[in-house]
C-alpha atoms as a PDB file:
ATOM      1  CA  MET A   1      -0.910   8.494 -54.145  1.00  0.00           C
ATOM      2  CA  SER A   2       0.467   7.729 -50.730  1.00  0.00           C
ATOM      3  CA  ILE A   3      -0.831   8.467 -47.259  1.00  0.00           C
ATOM      4  CA  TYR A   4       2.093  10.876 -46.971  1.00  0.00           C
ATOM      5  CA  ASN A   5       0.553  13.132 -49.663  1.00  0.00           C
ATOM      6  CA  TYR A   6      -2.312  14.225 -47.425  1.00  0.00           C
ATOM      7  CA  LEU A   7      -2.652  17.280 -45.239  1.00  0.00           C
ATOM      8  CA  VAL A   8      -4.567  17.423 -41.971  1.00  0.00           C
ATOM      9  CA  LYS A   9      -5.575  20.311 -39.755  1.00  0.00           C
ATOM     10  CA  LYS A  10      -4.680  20.579 -36.099  1.00  0.00           C
ATOM     11  CA  PRO A  11      -7.224  22.158 -33.732  1.00  0.00           C
ATOM     12  CA  ASN A  12      -5.197  25.386 -33.655  1.00  0.00           C
ATOM     13  CA  GLY A  13      -5.628  25.712 -37.429  1.00  0.00           C
ATOM     14  CA  GLU A  14      -2.075  24.632 -38.293  1.00  0.00           C
ATOM     15  CA  ILE A  15      -1.844  22.421 -41.375  1.00  0.00           C
ATOM     16  CA  LEU A  16       0.249  19.295 -40.933  1.00  0.00           C
ATOM     17  CA  SER A  17       1.486  16.922 -43.618  1.00  0.00           C
ATOM     18  CA  MET A  18       1.036  13.223 -42.992  1.00  0.00           C
ATOM     19  CA  GLU A  19       4.699  13.095 -44.036  1.00  0.00           C
ATOM     20  CA  THR A  20       5.315  13.976 -40.372  1.00  0.00           C
ATOM     21  CA  TYR A  21       4.491  10.355 -39.552  1.00  0.00           C
ATOM     22  CA  ARG A  22       6.681   8.679 -42.202  1.00  0.00           C
ATOM     23  CA  GLY A  23       8.328   5.599 -40.730  1.00  0.00           C
ATOM     24  CA  LYS A  24       5.795   5.341 -37.906  1.00  0.00           C
ATOM     25  CA  PRO A  25       3.027   2.761 -37.714  1.00  0.00           C
ATOM     26  CA  MET A  26      -0.286   4.597 -37.233  1.00  0.00           C
ATOM     27  CA  LEU A  27      -3.752   3.784 -35.994  1.00  0.00           C
ATOM     28  CA  ILE A  28      -6.044   6.410 -37.524  1.00  0.00           C
ATOM     29  CA  VAL A  29      -9.433   6.671 -35.828  1.00  0.00           C
ATOM     30  CA  ASN A  30     -12.581   8.729 -36.300  1.00  0.00           C
ATOM     31  CA  THR A  31     -13.576   9.610 -32.747  1.00  0.00           C
ATOM     32  CA  ALA A  32     -16.495  11.219 -30.917  1.00  0.00           C
ATOM     33  CA  ASN A  33     -16.971  12.556 -27.395  1.00  0.00           C
ATOM     34  CA  GLN A  34     -20.595  11.544 -26.869  1.00  0.00           C
ATOM     35  CA  CYS A  35     -20.731   8.059 -28.344  1.00  0.00           C
ATOM     36  CA  ARG A  36     -21.303   4.770 -26.579  1.00  0.00           C
ATOM     37  CA  PHE A  37     -17.855   3.788 -27.875  1.00  0.00           C
ATOM     38  CA  THR A  38     -16.139   6.843 -26.359  1.00  0.00           C
ATOM     39  CA  TYR A  39     -14.685   4.570 -23.656  1.00  0.00           C
ATOM     40  CA  GLN A  40     -12.367   3.346 -26.428  1.00  0.00           C
ATOM     41  CA  LEU A  41     -10.367   6.550 -26.016  1.00  0.00           C
ATOM     42  CA  GLU A  42      -8.851   4.962 -22.888  1.00  0.00           C
ATOM     43  CA  ASP A  43      -8.006   1.808 -24.863  1.00  0.00           C
ATOM     44  CA  LEU A  44      -6.443   3.867 -27.643  1.00  0.00           C
ATOM     45  CA  GLN A  45      -4.367   5.779 -25.098  1.00  0.00           C
ATOM     46  CA  LYS A  46      -3.135   2.484 -23.624  1.00  0.00           C
ATOM     47  CA  MET A  47      -2.094   1.282 -27.094  1.00  0.00           C
ATOM     48  CA  TYR A  48      -0.374   4.604 -27.745  1.00  0.00           C
ATOM     49  CA  GLU A  49       1.626   4.221 -24.533  1.00  0.00           C
ATOM     50  CA  LYS A  50       2.269   0.486 -24.895  1.00  0.00           C
ATOM     51  CA  TYR A  51       3.635   0.638 -28.444  1.00  0.00           C
ATOM     52  CA  GLY A  52       5.008   4.187 -28.427  1.00  0.00           C
ATOM     53  CA  GLU A  53       8.561   2.965 -27.881  1.00  0.00           C
ATOM     54  CA  ASN A  54       8.212   1.376 -31.348  1.00  0.00           C
ATOM     55  CA  ASN A  55       7.309   4.778 -32.874  1.00  0.00           C
ATOM     56  CA  PHE A  56       3.639   3.751 -32.998  1.00  0.00           C
ATOM     57  CA  VAL A  57       1.137   6.627 -33.009  1.00  0.00           C
ATOM     58  CA  VAL A  58      -2.603   6.935 -32.633  1.00  0.00           C
ATOM     59  CA  LEU A  59      -4.194   9.803 -34.548  1.00  0.00           C
ATOM     60  CA  GLY A  60      -7.697  10.889 -33.563  1.00  0.00           C
ATOM     61  CA  PHE A  61      -9.998  12.652 -35.995  1.00  0.00           C
ATOM     62  CA  PRO A  62     -13.237  13.802 -34.354  1.00  0.00           C
ATOM     63  CA  CYS A  63     -16.328  13.428 -36.495  1.00  0.00           C
ATOM     64  CA  ASP A  64     -19.834  14.739 -35.861  1.00  0.00           C
ATOM     65  CA  GLN A  65     -21.378  12.836 -38.764  1.00  0.00           C
ATOM     66  CA  PHE A  66     -22.889  10.051 -36.666  1.00  0.00           C
ATOM     67  CA  ASP A  67     -25.948  11.272 -34.785  1.00  0.00           C
ATOM     68  CA  ASN A  68     -24.193  14.505 -33.716  1.00  0.00           C
ATOM     69  CA  GLN A  69     -21.986  12.776 -31.173  1.00  0.00           C
ATOM     70  CA  ASN A  70     -19.120  15.279 -31.384  1.00  0.00           C
ATOM     71  CA  PRO A  71     -20.575  18.792 -31.668  1.00  0.00           C
ATOM     72  CA  GLU A  72     -17.436  20.410 -30.194  1.00  0.00           C
ATOM     73  CA  ASP A  73     -14.632  21.832 -32.335  1.00  0.00           C
ATOM     74  CA  GLY A  74     -11.173  20.269 -32.369  1.00  0.00           C
ATOM     75  CA  GLU A  75      -9.772  22.347 -29.500  1.00  0.00           C
ATOM     76  CA  GLU A  76     -12.660  21.590 -27.172  1.00  0.00           C
ATOM     77  CA  THR A  77     -12.596  17.936 -28.224  1.00  0.00           C
ATOM     78  CA  THR A  78      -8.879  17.720 -27.431  1.00  0.00           C
ATOM     79  CA  GLN A  79      -9.473  19.157 -23.958  1.00  0.00           C
ATOM     80  CA  LEU A  80     -12.412  16.833 -23.253  1.00  0.00           C
ATOM     81  CA  CYS A  81     -10.391  13.804 -24.385  1.00  0.00           C
ATOM     82  CA  LYS A  82      -7.485  14.807 -22.160  1.00  0.00           C
ATOM     83  CA  ILE A  83      -9.576  15.596 -19.074  1.00  0.00           C
ATOM     84  CA  ASN A  84     -12.041  12.699 -19.306  1.00  0.00           C
ATOM     85  CA  TYR A  85      -9.845   9.936 -20.771  1.00  0.00           C
ATOM     86  CA  GLY A  86      -6.221  10.967 -20.252  1.00  0.00           C
ATOM     87  CA  VAL A  87      -5.595  11.218 -23.996  1.00  0.00           C
ATOM     88  CA  THR A  88      -2.163  12.475 -25.011  1.00  0.00           C
ATOM     89  CA  PHE A  89      -2.129  11.199 -28.610  1.00  0.00           C
ATOM     90  CA  PRO A  90      -2.752  13.800 -31.339  1.00  0.00           C
ATOM     91  CA  ILE A  91      -6.343  14.907 -31.889  1.00  0.00           C
ATOM     92  CA  PHE A  92      -7.060  16.858 -35.066  1.00  0.00           C
ATOM     93  CA  GLU A  93      -9.820  19.184 -36.238  1.00  0.00           C
ATOM     94  CA  LEU A  94     -13.248  17.707 -37.019  1.00  0.00           C
ATOM     95  CA  VAL A  95     -13.556  15.854 -40.317  1.00  0.00           C
ATOM     96  CA  GLN A  96     -16.266  14.258 -42.417  1.00  0.00           C
ATOM     97  CA  VAL A  97     -15.649  10.593 -43.214  1.00  0.00           C
ATOM     98  CA  ASN A  98     -18.557   9.889 -45.577  1.00  0.00           C
ATOM     99  CA  GLY A  99     -20.382  11.712 -48.344  1.00  0.00           C
ATOM    100  CA  GLU A 100     -19.446  14.516 -50.687  1.00  0.00           C
ATOM    101  CA  THR A 101     -17.348  16.362 -48.102  1.00  0.00           C
ATOM    102  CA  THR A 102     -15.309  13.349 -46.982  1.00  0.00           C
ATOM    103  CA  HIS A 103     -11.845  14.408 -45.886  1.00  0.00           C
ATOM    104  CA  PRO A 104      -9.349  13.253 -48.559  1.00  0.00           C
ATOM    105  CA  LEU A 105      -7.355  11.219 -46.000  1.00  0.00           C
ATOM    106  CA  PHE A 106     -10.408   9.150 -45.092  1.00  0.00           C
ATOM    107  CA  ASN A 107     -11.420   8.779 -48.718  1.00  0.00           C
ATOM    108  CA  TYR A 108      -7.957   7.368 -49.355  1.00  0.00           C
ATOM    109  CA  LEU A 109      -8.041   5.030 -46.353  1.00  0.00           C
ATOM    110  CA  LYS A 110     -11.469   3.651 -47.239  1.00  0.00           C
ATOM    111  CA  HIS A 111     -10.219   2.654 -50.689  1.00  0.00           C
ATOM    112  CA  GLU A 112      -6.886   1.206 -49.600  1.00  0.00           C
ATOM    113  CA  VAL A 113      -8.122  -1.735 -47.569  1.00  0.00           C
ATOM    114  CA  GLY A 114     -11.051  -4.103 -47.732  1.00  0.00           C
ATOM    115  CA  PHE A 115     -13.944  -4.090 -45.343  1.00  0.00           C
ATOM    116  CA  ARG A 116     -15.897  -6.918 -43.842  1.00  0.00           C
ATOM    117  CA  GLU A 117     -19.617  -7.469 -43.855  1.00  0.00           C
ATOM    118  CA  PHE A 118     -21.090  -5.485 -41.015  1.00  0.00           C
ATOM    119  CA  GLY A 119     -23.799  -6.345 -38.524  1.00  0.00           C
ATOM    120  CA  LYS A 120     -23.186 -10.029 -37.924  1.00  0.00           C
ATOM    121  CA  ALA A 121     -20.033 -10.334 -35.794  1.00  0.00           C
ATOM    122  CA  ASN A 122     -21.718 -10.122 -32.367  1.00  0.00           C
ATOM    123  CA  MET A 123     -24.840  -8.854 -30.630  1.00  0.00           C
ATOM    124  CA  GLN A 124     -23.357  -5.378 -30.082  1.00  0.00           C
ATOM    125  CA  GLU A 125     -22.661  -5.075 -33.804  1.00  0.00           C
ATOM    126  CA  LYS A 126     -26.127  -6.345 -34.738  1.00  0.00           C
ATOM    127  CA  MET A 127     -27.688  -3.676 -32.517  1.00  0.00           C
ATOM    128  CA  LEU A 128     -25.409  -0.985 -33.962  1.00  0.00           C
ATOM    129  CA  ALA A 129     -26.307  -2.051 -37.508  1.00  0.00           C
ATOM    130  CA  GLN A 130     -30.010  -1.690 -36.681  1.00  0.00           C
ATOM    131  CA  ALA A 131     -29.422   1.781 -35.252  1.00  0.00           C
ATOM    132  CA  ILE A 132     -27.394   2.843 -38.300  1.00  0.00           C
ATOM    133  CA  PHE A 133     -30.135   1.522 -40.576  1.00  0.00           C
ATOM    134  CA  GLN A 134     -32.607   3.835 -38.829  1.00  0.00           C
ATOM    135  CA  ILE A 135     -30.328   6.898 -38.639  1.00  0.00           C
ATOM    136  CA  ALA A 136     -28.263   6.750 -41.853  1.00  0.00           C
ATOM    137  CA  PRO A 137     -28.777   3.561 -43.874  1.00  0.00           C
ATOM    138  CA  SER A 138     -26.335   4.675 -46.592  1.00  0.00           C
ATOM    139  CA  PHE A 139     -23.490   4.325 -44.057  1.00  0.00           C
ATOM    140  CA  LEU A 140     -23.988   0.551 -44.140  1.00  0.00           C
ATOM    141  CA  ASP A 141     -23.253   0.422 -47.883  1.00  0.00           C
ATOM    142  CA  GLY A 142     -19.934  -0.421 -49.437  1.00  0.00           C
ATOM    143  CA  ARG A 143     -16.798   1.238 -48.186  1.00  0.00           C
ATOM    144  CA  ASN A 144     -18.559   3.844 -46.049  1.00  0.00           C
ATOM    145  CA  ILE A 145     -17.461   4.215 -42.471  1.00  0.00           C
ATOM    146  CA  ARG A 146     -20.315   2.819 -40.461  1.00  0.00           C
ATOM    147  CA  TRP A 147     -19.859   4.654 -37.148  1.00  0.00           C
ATOM    148  CA  ASN A 148     -17.475   6.427 -34.783  1.00  0.00           C
ATOM    149  CA  PHE A 149     -14.304   4.605 -33.770  1.00  0.00           C
ATOM    150  CA  THR A 150     -13.614   2.920 -37.084  1.00  0.00           C
ATOM    151  CA  LYS A 151      -9.856   2.372 -37.140  1.00  0.00           C
ATOM    152  CA  PHE A 152      -7.288   2.084 -39.931  1.00  0.00           C
ATOM    153  CA  LEU A 153      -3.882   0.549 -39.245  1.00  0.00           C
ATOM    154  CA  VAL A 154      -1.047   1.867 -41.410  1.00  0.00           C
ATOM    155  CA  ASP A 155       2.447   0.371 -41.264  1.00  0.00           C
ATOM    156  CA  GLY A 156       5.714   2.310 -41.059  1.00  0.00           C
ATOM    157  CA  ASN A 157       5.986   2.306 -44.860  1.00  0.00           C
ATOM    158  CA  GLY A 158       2.623   4.004 -45.296  1.00  0.00           C
ATOM    159  CA  LYS A 159       0.730   0.888 -46.391  1.00  0.00           C
ATOM    160  CA  THR A 160      -2.796   0.553 -45.026  1.00  0.00           C
ATOM    161  CA  ILE A 161      -2.860  -2.890 -43.414  1.00  0.00           C
ATOM    162  CA  ALA A 162      -6.290  -3.279 -41.827  1.00  0.00           C
ATOM    163  CA  ARG A 163      -9.627  -1.693 -41.076  1.00  0.00           C
ATOM    164  CA  PHE A 164     -11.315  -2.326 -37.740  1.00  0.00           C
ATOM    165  CA  GLU A 165     -14.951  -1.681 -36.965  1.00  0.00           C
ATOM    166  CA  PRO A 166     -15.998   0.020 -33.702  1.00  0.00           C
ATOM    167  CA  THR A 167     -17.093  -3.339 -32.301  1.00  0.00           C
ATOM    168  CA  ASP A 168     -13.765  -5.127 -32.927  1.00  0.00           C
ATOM    169  CA  SER A 169     -11.892  -6.058 -29.772  1.00  0.00           C
ATOM    170  CA  GLN A 170      -8.802  -4.240 -28.576  1.00  0.00           C
ATOM    171  CA  LEU A 171      -7.011  -7.602 -28.284  1.00  0.00           C
ATOM    172  CA  ASP A 172      -7.628  -8.378 -31.956  1.00  0.00           C
ATOM    173  CA  ILE A 173      -6.359  -4.938 -32.929  1.00  0.00           C
ATOM    174  CA  GLU A 174      -3.255  -5.306 -30.775  1.00  0.00           C
ATOM    175  CA  GLN A 175      -2.437  -8.676 -32.348  1.00  0.00           C
ATOM    176  CA  VAL A 176      -2.294  -7.054 -35.779  1.00  0.00           C
ATOM    177  CA  ILE A 177      -0.301  -4.089 -34.436  1.00  0.00           C
ATOM    178  CA  GLU A 178       2.263  -6.447 -32.934  1.00  0.00           C
ATOM    179  CA  LYS A 179       2.694  -8.213 -36.276  1.00  0.00           C
ATOM    180  CA  ILE A 180       3.730  -4.995 -38.010  1.00  0.00           C
ATOM    181  CA  LEU A 181       6.031  -3.690 -35.280  1.00  0.00           C
END
């Protein structure tokens, strides 16, 4: 399988093939409107603008799986992201990223690239790990996505290059993006 074999749904209900993004490096992110990491939408928009001339795209997939931090549908989420954070990159319909109803794209991404041990990188991550342990301890296990704003970097050939946790710095992410551009 390839990332280009997957279909995603736009907020208006239109089905889009990931083939649309063939040849473009992508940063695929599970987002949320009411999360303490929601400020990252501004950072993602800046990356989208900064690297857009290199065909780089950011793709946002809202997810309400983490403490109900995105109860809105895709259309409302898109509007909130645009109004509150100036987002112009594509936002899709809500998805599940863990469990039995995991969207196939995220199931694929989680198995394409390794993950690092979580909860030890910095104080913010330690605190997040404690919160996850209380809310949904299974999200800390294995390949599961631990929280909103987990990011997957895919190169222009469709190869998943890296996974970034919500607590990883924008500078570290940009360094890896620049290597593949």
